[in-house]
Amino acid sequence: MAPFQSNKDLISTGIKEFNVLLDQQVFDDPLISEEDMVIVVHDWVNLYTNYYKKLMHGEQEEQDRAMTEFQQELSTLGSQFLAKYRTFLKSKEPPSSTLPSS
């Protein structure tokens, strides 16, 4: 990483790295619950936010704006990942057995 990266560049790098993390996830047995995956993704967002917060520079207001933008982007990516995971979990559910109506 260049020593004087702009905050926009830092955000872009962080988003790319977060996407790599999400893309590396393999949905396999044993599956974790949707609720647990929400916690995991939330923890990932916090990890990336805390790491990149230390790298931001400029006036405090500028840093705050950049971090808000970064958190929103990560949250959006996390939500998309969770929707994908939710769809995967539903595909693993046994088909519901409904009795035919008479």
PDB file of N, CA and C in Angstrom:
ATOM      1  N   MET A   1       0.844  -1.173   0.000  1.00  0.00           N
ATOM      2  CA  MET A   1       0.000   0.000   0.000  1.00  0.00           C
ATOM      3  C   MET A   1       0.882   1.226   0.000  1.00  0.00           C
ATOM      4  N   ALA A   2       0.575   2.206  -0.822  1.00  0.00           N
ATOM      5  CA  ALA A   2       1.342   3.440  -0.898  1.00  0.00           C
ATOM      6  C   ALA A   2       1.186   4.224   0.398  1.00  0.00           C
ATOM      7  N   PRO A   3       2.224   4.916   0.833  1.00  0.00           N
ATOM      8  CA  PRO A   3       2.145   5.607   2.115  1.00  0.00           C
ATOM      9  C   PRO A   3       1.139   6.747   2.156  1.00  0.00           C
ATOM     10  N   PHE A   4       0.827   7.354   1.028  1.00  0.00           N
ATOM     11  CA  PHE A   4      -0.090   8.485   1.037  1.00  0.00           C
ATOM     12  C   PHE A   4      -1.330   8.209   0.194  1.00  0.00           C
ATOM     13  N   GLN A   5      -1.927   7.074   0.383  1.00  0.00           N
ATOM     14  CA  GLN A   5      -3.149   6.757  -0.351  1.00  0.00           C
ATOM     15  C   GLN A   5      -4.264   7.690   0.101  1.00  0.00           C
ATOM     16  N   SER A   6      -5.088   8.092  -0.835  1.00  0.00           N
ATOM     17  CA  SER A   6      -6.247   8.906  -0.465  1.00  0.00           C
ATOM     18  C   SER A   6      -7.271   8.017   0.223  1.00  0.00           C
ATOM     19  N   ASN A   7      -8.165   8.645   0.932  1.00  0.00           N
ATOM     20  CA  ASN A   7      -9.210   7.881   1.614  1.00  0.00           C
ATOM     21  C   ASN A   7     -10.071   7.113   0.615  1.00  0.00           C
ATOM     22  N   LYS A   8     -10.300   7.717  -0.559  1.00  0.00           N
ATOM     23  CA  LYS A   8     -11.078   7.022  -1.601  1.00  0.00           C
ATOM     24  C   LYS A   8     -10.357   5.748  -2.038  1.00  0.00           C
ATOM     25  N   ASP A   9      -9.042   5.837  -2.186  1.00  0.00           N
ATOM     26  CA  ASP A   9      -8.251   4.661  -2.563  1.00  0.00           C
ATOM     27  C   ASP A   9      -8.298   3.602  -1.468  1.00  0.00           C
ATOM     28  N   LEU A  10      -8.234   4.055  -0.224  1.00  0.00           N
ATOM     29  CA  LEU A  10      -8.315   3.109   0.905  1.00  0.00           C
ATOM     30  C   LEU A  10      -9.664   2.392   0.908  1.00  0.00           C
ATOM     31  N   ILE A  11     -10.726   3.144   0.683  1.00  0.00           N
ATOM     32  CA  ILE A  11     -12.065   2.554   0.646  1.00  0.00           C
ATOM     33  C   ILE A  11     -12.144   1.532  -0.479  1.00  0.00           C
ATOM     34  N   SER A  12     -11.629   1.907  -1.642  1.00  0.00           N
ATOM     35  CA  SER A  12     -11.657   0.997  -2.786  1.00  0.00           C
ATOM     36  C   SER A  12     -10.886  -0.290  -2.480  1.00  0.00           C
ATOM     37  N   THR A  13      -9.717  -0.151  -1.879  1.00  0.00           N
ATOM     38  CA  THR A  13      -8.910  -1.316  -1.524  1.00  0.00           C
ATOM     39  C   THR A  13      -9.641  -2.177  -0.496  1.00  0.00           C
ATOM     40  N   GLY A  14     -10.213  -1.542   0.504  1.00  0.00           N
ATOM     41  CA  GLY A  14     -10.942  -2.283   1.538  1.00  0.00           C
ATOM     42  C   GLY A  14     -12.125  -3.046   0.977  1.00  0.00           C
ATOM     43  N   ILE A  15     -12.844  -2.431   0.065  1.00  0.00           N
ATOM     44  CA  ILE A  15     -14.004  -3.083  -0.545  1.00  0.00           C
ATOM     45  C   ILE A  15     -13.554  -4.279  -1.382  1.00  0.00           C
ATOM     46  N   LYS A  16     -12.474  -4.103  -2.127  1.00  0.00           N
ATOM     47  CA  LYS A  16     -11.953  -5.226  -2.921  1.00  0.00           C
ATOM     48  C   LYS A  16     -11.546  -6.385  -2.017  1.00  0.00           C
ATOM     49  N   GLU A  17     -10.851  -6.071  -0.928  1.00  0.00           N
ATOM     50  CA  GLU A  17     -10.417  -7.116   0.002  1.00  0.00           C
ATOM     51  C   GLU A  17     -11.616  -7.802   0.662  1.00  0.00           C
ATOM     52  N   PHE A  18     -12.637  -7.020   1.008  1.00  0.00           N
ATOM     53  CA  PHE A  18     -13.835  -7.583   1.625  1.00  0.00           C
ATOM     54  C   PHE A  18     -14.546  -8.508   0.642  1.00  0.00           C
ATOM     55  N   ASN A  19     -14.605  -8.102  -0.627  1.00  0.00           N
ATOM     56  CA  ASN A  19     -15.201  -8.954  -1.662  1.00  0.00           C
ATOM     57  C   ASN A  19     -14.448 -10.261  -1.806  1.00  0.00           C
ATOM     58  N   VAL A  20     -13.118 -10.205  -1.723  1.00  0.00           N
ATOM     59  CA  VAL A  20     -12.311 -11.426  -1.795  1.00  0.00           C
ATOM     60  C   VAL A  20     -12.683 -12.344  -0.633  1.00  0.00           C
ATOM     61  N   LEU A  21     -12.783 -11.771   0.559  1.00  0.00           N
ATOM     62  CA  LEU A  21     -13.174 -12.566   1.731  1.00  0.00           C
ATOM     63  C   LEU A  21     -14.524 -13.246   1.509  1.00  0.00           C
ATOM     64  N   LEU A  22     -15.498 -12.483   1.030  1.00  0.00           N
ATOM     65  CA  LEU A  22     -16.833 -13.049   0.809  1.00  0.00           C
ATOM     66  C   LEU A  22     -16.809 -14.126  -0.271  1.00  0.00           C
ATOM     67  N   ASP A  23     -16.050 -13.879  -1.330  1.00  0.00           N
ATOM     68  CA  ASP A  23     -15.979 -14.841  -2.436  1.00  0.00           C
ATOM     69  C   ASP A  23     -15.285 -16.138  -2.037  1.00  0.00           C
ATOM     70  N   GLN A  24     -14.464 -16.099  -1.014  1.00  0.00           N
ATOM     71  CA  GLN A  24     -13.741 -17.287  -0.568  1.00  0.00           C
ATOM     72  C   GLN A  24     -14.593 -18.218   0.293  1.00  0.00           C
ATOM     73  N   GLN A  25     -15.752 -17.757   0.693  1.00  0.00           N
ATOM     74  CA  GLN A  25     -16.576 -18.565   1.586  1.00  0.00           C
ATOM     75  C   GLN A  25     -17.183 -19.741   0.835  1.00  0.00           C
ATOM     76  N   VAL A  26     -17.087 -20.899   1.465  1.00  0.00           N
ATOM     77  CA  VAL A  26     -17.637 -22.122   0.899  1.00  0.00           C
ATOM     78  C   VAL A  26     -18.769 -22.576   1.817  1.00  0.00           C
ATOM     79  N   PHE A  27     -19.919 -22.729   1.236  1.00  0.00           N
ATOM     80  CA  PHE A  27     -21.068 -23.198   2.017  1.00  0.00           C
ATOM     81  C   PHE A  27     -21.037 -24.710   2.000  1.00  0.00           C
ATOM     82  N   ASP A  28     -20.704 -25.286   3.106  1.00  0.00           N
ATOM     83  CA  ASP A  28     -20.542 -26.732   3.175  1.00  0.00           C
ATOM     84  C   ASP A  28     -20.973 -27.205   4.554  1.00  0.00           C
ATOM     85  N   ASP A  29     -21.126 -28.493   4.672  1.00  0.00           N
ATOM     86  CA  ASP A  29     -21.463 -29.070   5.966  1.00  0.00           C
ATOM     87  C   ASP A  29     -20.260 -28.985   6.877  1.00  0.00           C
ATOM     88  N   PRO A  30     -20.405 -28.729   8.122  1.00  0.00           N
ATOM     89  CA  PRO A  30     -21.676 -28.429   8.788  1.00  0.00           C
ATOM     90  C   PRO A  30     -22.079 -26.971   8.532  1.00  0.00           C
ATOM     91  N   LEU A  31     -23.337 -26.798   8.247  1.00  0.00           N
ATOM     92  CA  LEU A  31     -23.867 -25.469   7.992  1.00  0.00           C
ATOM     93  C   LEU A  31     -24.060 -24.735   9.311  1.00  0.00           C
ATOM     94  N   ILE A  32     -23.920 -23.431   9.261  1.00  0.00           N
ATOM     95  CA  ILE A  32     -24.250 -22.647  10.448  1.00  0.00           C
ATOM     96  C   ILE A  32     -25.579 -21.955  10.189  1.00  0.00           C
ATOM     97  N   SER A  33     -26.237 -21.595  11.255  1.00  0.00           N
ATOM     98  CA  SER A  33     -27.560 -20.981  11.119  1.00  0.00           C
ATOM     99  C   SER A  33     -27.440 -19.594  10.484  1.00  0.00           C
ATOM    100  N   GLU A  34     -28.542 -19.135   9.966  1.00  0.00           N
ATOM    101  CA  GLU A  34     -28.575 -17.796   9.377  1.00  0.00           C
ATOM    102  C   GLU A  34     -28.219 -16.750  10.431  1.00  0.00           C
ATOM    103  N   GLU A  35     -28.739 -16.921  11.636  1.00  0.00           N
ATOM    104  CA  GLU A  35     -28.467 -15.981  12.719  1.00  0.00           C
ATOM    105  C   GLU A  35     -26.971 -15.919  13.036  1.00  0.00           C
ATOM    106  N   ASP A  36     -26.319 -17.084  13.056  1.00  0.00           N
ATOM    107  CA  ASP A  36     -24.881 -17.115  13.320  1.00  0.00           C
ATOM    108  C   ASP A  36     -24.094 -16.477  12.179  1.00  0.00           C
ATOM    109  N   MET A  37     -24.545 -16.671  10.949  1.00  0.00           N
ATOM    110  CA  MET A  37     -23.851 -16.064   9.816  1.00  0.00           C
ATOM    111  C   MET A  37     -23.996 -14.543   9.863  1.00  0.00           C
ATOM    112  N   VAL A  38     -25.135 -14.051  10.325  1.00  0.00           N
ATOM    113  CA  VAL A  38     -25.321 -12.602  10.478  1.00  0.00           C
ATOM    114  C   VAL A  38     -24.275 -12.064  11.462  1.00  0.00           C
ATOM    115  N   ILE A  39     -24.041 -12.783  12.542  1.00  0.00           N
ATOM    116  CA  ILE A  39     -23.038 -12.365  13.528  1.00  0.00           C
ATOM    117  C   ILE A  39     -21.645 -12.374  12.912  1.00  0.00           C
ATOM    118  N   VAL A  40     -21.333 -13.415  12.148  1.00  0.00           N
ATOM    119  CA  VAL A  40     -20.020 -13.517  11.505  1.00  0.00           C
ATOM    120  C   VAL A  40     -19.805 -12.335  10.556  1.00  0.00           C
ATOM    121  N   VAL A  41     -20.784 -12.056   9.707  1.00  0.00           N
ATOM    122  CA  VAL A  41     -20.644 -10.958   8.743  1.00  0.00           C
ATOM    123  C   VAL A  41     -20.521  -9.623   9.478  1.00  0.00           C
ATOM    124  N   HIS A  42     -21.303  -9.451  10.525  1.00  0.00           N
ATOM    125  CA  HIS A  42     -21.210  -8.225  11.330  1.00  0.00           C
ATOM    126  C   HIS A  42     -19.804  -8.074  11.915  1.00  0.00           C
ATOM    127  N   ASP A  43     -19.243  -9.168  12.394  1.00  0.00           N
ATOM    128  CA  ASP A  43     -17.878  -9.142  12.935  1.00  0.00           C
ATOM    129  C   ASP A  43     -16.862  -8.799  11.852  1.00  0.00           C
ATOM    130  N   TRP A  44     -17.052  -9.338  10.641  1.00  0.00           N
ATOM    131  CA  TRP A  44     -16.150  -9.015   9.531  1.00  0.00           C
ATOM    132  C   TRP A  44     -16.208  -7.528   9.200  1.00  0.00           C
ATOM    133  N   VAL A  45     -17.413  -6.978   9.146  1.00  0.00           N
ATOM    134  CA  VAL A  45     -17.578  -5.553   8.862  1.00  0.00           C
ATOM    135  C   VAL A  45     -16.851  -4.734   9.932  1.00  0.00           C
ATOM    136  N   ASN A  46     -17.026  -5.115  11.195  1.00  0.00           N
ATOM    137  CA  ASN A  46     -16.345  -4.392  12.280  1.00  0.00           C
ATOM    138  C   ASN A  46     -14.829  -4.519  12.181  1.00  0.00           C
ATOM    139  N   LEU A  47     -14.336  -5.683  11.834  1.00  0.00           N
ATOM    140  CA  LEU A  47     -12.901  -5.904  11.685  1.00  0.00           C
ATOM    141  C   LEU A  47     -12.322  -4.981  10.606  1.00  0.00           C
ATOM    142  N   TYR A  48     -12.968  -4.972   9.448  1.00  0.00           N
ATOM    143  CA  TYR A  48     -12.489  -4.127   8.350  1.00  0.00           C
ATOM    144  C   TYR A  48     -12.616  -2.650   8.699  1.00  0.00           C
ATOM    145  N   THR A  49     -13.707  -2.272   9.339  1.00  0.00           N
ATOM    146  CA  THR A  49     -13.915  -0.882   9.721  1.00  0.00           C
ATOM    147  C   THR A  49     -12.832  -0.426  10.695  1.00  0.00           C
ATOM    148  N   ASN A  50     -12.572  -1.230  11.713  1.00  0.00           N
ATOM    149  CA  ASN A  50     -11.561  -0.850  12.703  1.00  0.00           C
ATOM    150  C   ASN A  50     -10.164  -0.788  12.097  1.00  0.00           C
ATOM    151  N   TYR A  51      -9.862  -1.706  11.205  1.00  0.00           N
ATOM    152  CA  TYR A  51      -8.545  -1.712  10.572  1.00  0.00           C
ATOM    153  C   TYR A  51      -8.359  -0.464   9.695  1.00  0.00           C
ATOM    154  N   TYR A  52      -9.331  -0.196   8.839  1.00  0.00           N
ATOM    155  CA  TYR A  52      -9.189   0.914   7.896  1.00  0.00           C
ATOM    156  C   TYR A  52      -9.359   2.275   8.562  1.00  0.00           C
ATOM    157  N   LYS A  53     -10.030   2.321   9.682  1.00  0.00           N
ATOM    158  CA  LYS A  53     -10.195   3.592  10.403  1.00  0.00           C
ATOM    159  C   LYS A  53      -8.828   4.156  10.794  1.00  0.00           C
ATOM    160  N   LYS A  54      -7.908   3.287  11.157  1.00  0.00           N
ATOM    161  CA  LYS A  54      -6.558   3.715  11.558  1.00  0.00           C
ATOM    162  C   LYS A  54      -5.770   4.274  10.377  1.00  0.00           C
ATOM    163  N   LEU A  55      -6.147   3.904   9.166  1.00  0.00           N
ATOM    164  CA  LEU A  55      -5.403   4.318   7.978  1.00  0.00           C
ATOM    165  C   LEU A  55      -5.925   5.607   7.350  1.00  0.00           C
ATOM    166  N   MET A  56      -7.139   6.011   7.741  1.00  0.00           N
ATOM    167  CA  MET A  56      -7.740   7.221   7.169  1.00  0.00           C
ATOM    168  C   MET A  56      -6.967   8.447   7.635  1.00  0.00           C
ATOM    169  N   HIS A  57      -6.935   9.456   6.785  1.00  0.00           N
ATOM    170  CA  HIS A  57      -6.249  10.689   7.161  1.00  0.00           C
ATOM    171  C   HIS A  57      -7.053  11.886   6.693  1.00  0.00           C
ATOM    172  N   GLY A  58      -6.560  13.057   7.062  1.00  0.00           N
ATOM    173  CA  GLY A  58      -7.280  14.290   6.750  1.00  0.00           C
ATOM    174  C   GLY A  58      -7.961  14.817   7.994  1.00  0.00           C
ATOM    175  N   GLU A  59      -8.760  15.847   7.789  1.00  0.00           N
ATOM    176  CA  GLU A  59      -9.528  16.426   8.896  1.00  0.00           C
ATOM    177  C   GLU A  59     -10.497  15.376   9.445  1.00  0.00           C
ATOM    178  N   GLN A  60     -10.853  15.521  10.702  1.00  0.00           N
ATOM    179  CA  GLN A  60     -11.742  14.546  11.341  1.00  0.00           C
ATOM    180  C   GLN A  60     -13.047  14.389  10.575  1.00  0.00           C
ATOM    181  N   GLU A  61     -13.592  15.497  10.112  1.00  0.00           N
ATOM    182  CA  GLU A  61     -14.851  15.448   9.355  1.00  0.00           C
ATOM    183  C   GLU A  61     -14.686  14.629   8.072  1.00  0.00           C
ATOM    184  N   GLU A  62     -13.559  14.817   7.402  1.00  0.00           N
ATOM    185  CA  GLU A  62     -13.269  14.062   6.185  1.00  0.00           C
ATOM    186  C   GLU A  62     -13.127  12.564   6.495  1.00  0.00           C
ATOM    187  N   GLN A  63     -12.437  12.257   7.568  1.00  0.00           N
ATOM    188  CA  GLN A  63     -12.279  10.862   7.976  1.00  0.00           C
ATOM    189  C   GLN A  63     -13.631  10.243   8.312  1.00  0.00           C
ATOM    190  N   ASP A  64     -14.457  10.988   9.034  1.00  0.00           N
ATOM    191  CA  ASP A  64     -15.784  10.486   9.410  1.00  0.00           C
ATOM    192  C   ASP A  64     -16.638  10.212   8.177  1.00  0.00           C
ATOM    193  N   ARG A  65     -16.590  11.117   7.203  1.00  0.00           N
ATOM    194  CA  ARG A  65     -17.350  10.906   5.955  1.00  0.00           C
ATOM    195  C   ARG A  65     -16.864   9.663   5.230  1.00  0.00           C
ATOM    196  N   ALA A  66     -15.545   9.516   5.154  1.00  0.00           N
ATOM    197  CA  ALA A  66     -14.974   8.358   4.464  1.00  0.00           C
ATOM    198  C   ALA A  66     -15.369   7.065   5.178  1.00  0.00           C
ATOM    199  N   MET A  67     -15.320   7.073   6.501  1.00  0.00           N
ATOM    200  CA  MET A  67     -15.669   5.859   7.252  1.00  0.00           C
ATOM    201  C   MET A  67     -17.156   5.535   7.112  1.00  0.00           C
ATOM    202  N   THR A  68     -17.993   6.546   7.084  1.00  0.00           N
ATOM    203  CA  THR A  68     -19.426   6.313   6.888  1.00  0.00           C
ATOM    204  C   THR A  68     -19.670   5.670   5.534  1.00  0.00           C
ATOM    205  N   GLU A  69     -19.022   6.205   4.502  1.00  0.00           N
ATOM    206  CA  GLU A  69     -19.149   5.632   3.155  1.00  0.00           C
ATOM    207  C   GLU A  69     -18.652   4.186   3.145  1.00  0.00           C
ATOM    208  N   PHE A  70     -17.515   3.950   3.772  1.00  0.00           N
ATOM    209  CA  PHE A  70     -16.917   2.616   3.818  1.00  0.00           C
ATOM    210  C   PHE A  70     -17.850   1.630   4.530  1.00  0.00           C
ATOM    211  N   GLN A  71     -18.373   2.023   5.681  1.00  0.00           N
ATOM    212  CA  GLN A  71     -19.278   1.147   6.429  1.00  0.00           C
ATOM    213  C   GLN A  71     -20.539   0.839   5.635  1.00  0.00           C
ATOM    214  N   GLN A  72     -21.059   1.816   4.931  1.00  0.00           N
ATOM    215  CA  GLN A  72     -22.253   1.588   4.114  1.00  0.00           C
ATOM    216  C   GLN A  72     -21.967   0.591   3.005  1.00  0.00           C
ATOM    217  N   GLU A  73     -20.822   0.744   2.357  1.00  0.00           N
ATOM    218  CA  GLU A  73     -20.445  -0.189   1.287  1.00  0.00           C
ATOM    219  C   GLU A  73     -20.285  -1.610   1.838  1.00  0.00           C
ATOM    220  N   LEU A  74     -19.587  -1.738   2.953  1.00  0.00           N
ATOM    221  CA  LEU A  74     -19.384  -3.063   3.545  1.00  0.00           C
ATOM    222  C   LEU A  74     -20.714  -3.676   3.974  1.00  0.00           C
ATOM    223  N   SER A  75     -21.581  -2.871   4.547  1.00  0.00           N
ATOM    224  CA  SER A  75     -22.891  -3.372   4.974  1.00  0.00           C
ATOM    225  C   SER A  75     -23.717  -3.846   3.784  1.00  0.00           C
ATOM    226  N   THR A  76     -23.648  -3.109   2.686  1.00  0.00           N
ATOM    227  CA  THR A  76     -24.368  -3.509   1.470  1.00  0.00           C
ATOM    228  C   THR A  76     -23.835  -4.841   0.955  1.00  0.00           C
ATOM    229  N   LEU A  77     -22.515  -4.960   0.883  1.00  0.00           N
ATOM    230  CA  LEU A  77     -21.916  -6.222   0.432  1.00  0.00           C
ATOM    231  C   LEU A  77     -22.262  -7.361   1.386  1.00  0.00           C
ATOM    232  N   GLY A  78     -22.235  -7.078   2.670  1.00  0.00           N
ATOM    233  CA  GLY A  78     -22.589  -8.093   3.657  1.00  0.00           C
ATOM    234  C   GLY A  78     -24.033  -8.538   3.522  1.00  0.00           C
ATOM    235  N   SER A  79     -24.925  -7.597   3.276  1.00  0.00           N
ATOM    236  CA  SER A  79     -26.342  -7.929   3.093  1.00  0.00           C
ATOM    237  C   SER A  79     -26.554  -8.795   1.860  1.00  0.00           C
ATOM    238  N   GLN A  80     -25.837  -8.472   0.789  1.00  0.00           N
ATOM    239  CA  GLN A  80     -25.943  -9.281  -0.425  1.00  0.00           C
ATOM    240  C   GLN A  80     -25.427 -10.697  -0.177  1.00  0.00           C
ATOM    241  N   PHE A  81     -24.343 -10.804   0.559  1.00  0.00           N
ATOM    242  CA  PHE A  81     -23.796 -12.109   0.905  1.00  0.00           C
ATOM    243  C   PHE A  81     -24.787 -12.901   1.751  1.00  0.00           C
ATOM    244  N   LEU A  82     -25.396 -12.240   2.734  1.00  0.00           N
ATOM    245  CA  LEU A  82     -26.365 -12.921   3.593  1.00  0.00           C
ATOM    246  C   LEU A  82     -27.595 -13.376   2.805  1.00  0.00           C
ATOM    247  N   ALA A  83     -28.019 -12.595   1.835  1.00  0.00           N
ATOM    248  CA  ALA A  83     -29.148 -13.013   0.988  1.00  0.00           C
ATOM    249  C   ALA A  83     -28.768 -14.275   0.206  1.00  0.00           C
ATOM    250  N   LYS A  84     -27.553 -14.301  -0.293  1.00  0.00           N
ATOM    251  CA  LYS A  84     -27.067 -15.488  -1.011  1.00  0.00           C
ATOM    252  C   LYS A  84     -27.016 -16.700  -0.067  1.00  0.00           C
ATOM    253  N   TYR A  85     -26.546 -16.478   1.140  1.00  0.00           N
ATOM    254  CA  TYR A  85     -26.463 -17.566   2.117  1.00  0.00           C
ATOM    255  C   TYR A  85     -27.869 -18.058   2.498  1.00  0.00           C
ATOM    256  N   ARG A  86     -28.783 -17.131   2.670  1.00  0.00           N
ATOM    257  CA  ARG A  86     -30.172 -17.474   3.005  1.00  0.00           C
ATOM    258  C   ARG A  86     -30.778 -18.346   1.910  1.00  0.00           C
ATOM    259  N   THR A  87     -30.537 -17.986   0.655  1.00  0.00           N
ATOM    260  CA  THR A  87     -31.032 -18.764  -0.480  1.00  0.00           C
ATOM    261  C   THR A  87     -30.416 -20.154  -0.464  1.00  0.00           C
ATOM    262  N   PHE A  88     -29.128 -20.222  -0.168  1.00  0.00           N
ATOM    263  CA  PHE A  88     -28.453 -21.513  -0.086  1.00  0.00           C
ATOM    264  C   PHE A  88     -29.070 -22.379   1.015  1.00  0.00           C
ATOM    265  N   LEU A  89     -29.299 -21.792   2.187  1.00  0.00           N
ATOM    266  CA  LEU A  89     -29.896 -22.561   3.285  1.00  0.00           C
ATOM    267  C   LEU A  89     -31.275 -23.098   2.900  1.00  0.00           C
ATOM    268  N   LYS A  90     -32.058 -22.276   2.240  1.00  0.00           N
ATOM    269  CA  LYS A  90     -33.400 -22.722   1.825  1.00  0.00           C
ATOM    270  C   LYS A  90     -33.321 -23.868   0.832  1.00  0.00           C
ATOM    271  N   SER A  91     -32.289 -23.866   0.002  1.00  0.00           N
ATOM    272  CA  SER A  91     -32.144 -24.941  -0.980  1.00  0.00           C
ATOM    273  C   SER A  91     -31.774 -26.259  -0.307  1.00  0.00           C
ATOM    274  N   LYS A  92     -31.261 -26.185   0.906  1.00  0.00           N
ATOM    275  CA  LYS A  92     -30.861 -27.387   1.641  1.00  0.00           C
ATOM    276  C   LYS A  92     -31.979 -27.937   2.525  1.00  0.00           C
ATOM    277  N   GLU A  93     -33.055 -27.185   2.656  1.00  0.00           N
ATOM    278  CA  GLU A  93     -34.183 -27.641   3.466  1.00  0.00           C
ATOM    279  C   GLU A  93     -34.888 -28.782   2.742  1.00  0.00           C
ATOM    280  N   PRO A  94     -35.332 -29.776   3.505  1.00  0.00           N
ATOM    281  CA  PRO A  94     -36.096 -30.847   2.861  1.00  0.00           C
ATOM    282  C   PRO A  94     -37.417 -30.276   2.336  1.00  0.00           C
ATOM    283  N   PRO A  95     -37.887 -30.827   1.239  1.00  0.00           N
ATOM    284  CA  PRO A  95     -39.150 -30.315   0.692  1.00  0.00           C
ATOM    285  C   PRO A  95     -40.272 -30.514   1.702  1.00  0.00           C
ATOM    286  N   SER A  96     -41.144 -29.521   1.775  1.00  0.00           N
ATOM    287  CA  SER A  96     -42.258 -29.642   2.716  1.00  0.00           C
ATOM    288  C   SER A  96     -43.238 -30.667   2.186  1.00  0.00           C
ATOM    289  N   SER A  97     -43.649 -31.510   3.075  1.00  0.00           N
ATOM    290  CA  SER A  97     -44.609 -32.548   2.664  1.00  0.00           C
ATOM    291  C   SER A  97     -46.012 -32.080   3.043  1.00  0.00           C
ATOM    292  N   THR A  98     -46.724 -31.707   2.034  1.00  0.00           N
ATOM    293  CA  THR A  98     -48.102 -31.281   2.269  1.00  0.00           C
ATOM    294  C   THR A  98     -49.027 -32.376   1.770  1.00  0.00           C
ATOM    295  N   LEU A  99     -50.058 -32.589   2.526  1.00  0.00           N
ATOM    296  CA  LEU A  99     -51.040 -33.596   2.138  1.00  0.00           C
ATOM    297  C   LEU A  99     -51.951 -33.019   1.072  1.00  0.00           C
ATOM    298  N   PRO A 100     -52.241 -33.798   0.042  1.00  0.00           N
ATOM    299  CA  PRO A 100     -53.155 -33.280  -0.968  1.00  0.00           C
ATOM    300  C   PRO A 100     -54.553 -33.059  -0.372  1.00  0.00           C
ATOM    301  N   SER A 101     -55.175 -32.000  -0.807  1.00  0.00           N
ATOM    302  CA  SER A 101     -56.522 -31.742  -0.294  1.00  0.00           C
ATOM    303  C   SER A 101     -57.521 -32.653  -0.988  1.00  0.00           C
ATOM    304  N   SER A 102     -58.518 -33.068  -0.218  1.00  0.00           N
ATOM    305  CA  SER A 102     -59.494 -34.001  -0.785  1.00  0.00           C
ATOM    306  C   SER A 102     -60.743 -33.314  -1.206  1.00  0.00           C
TER     307      SER A 102
END
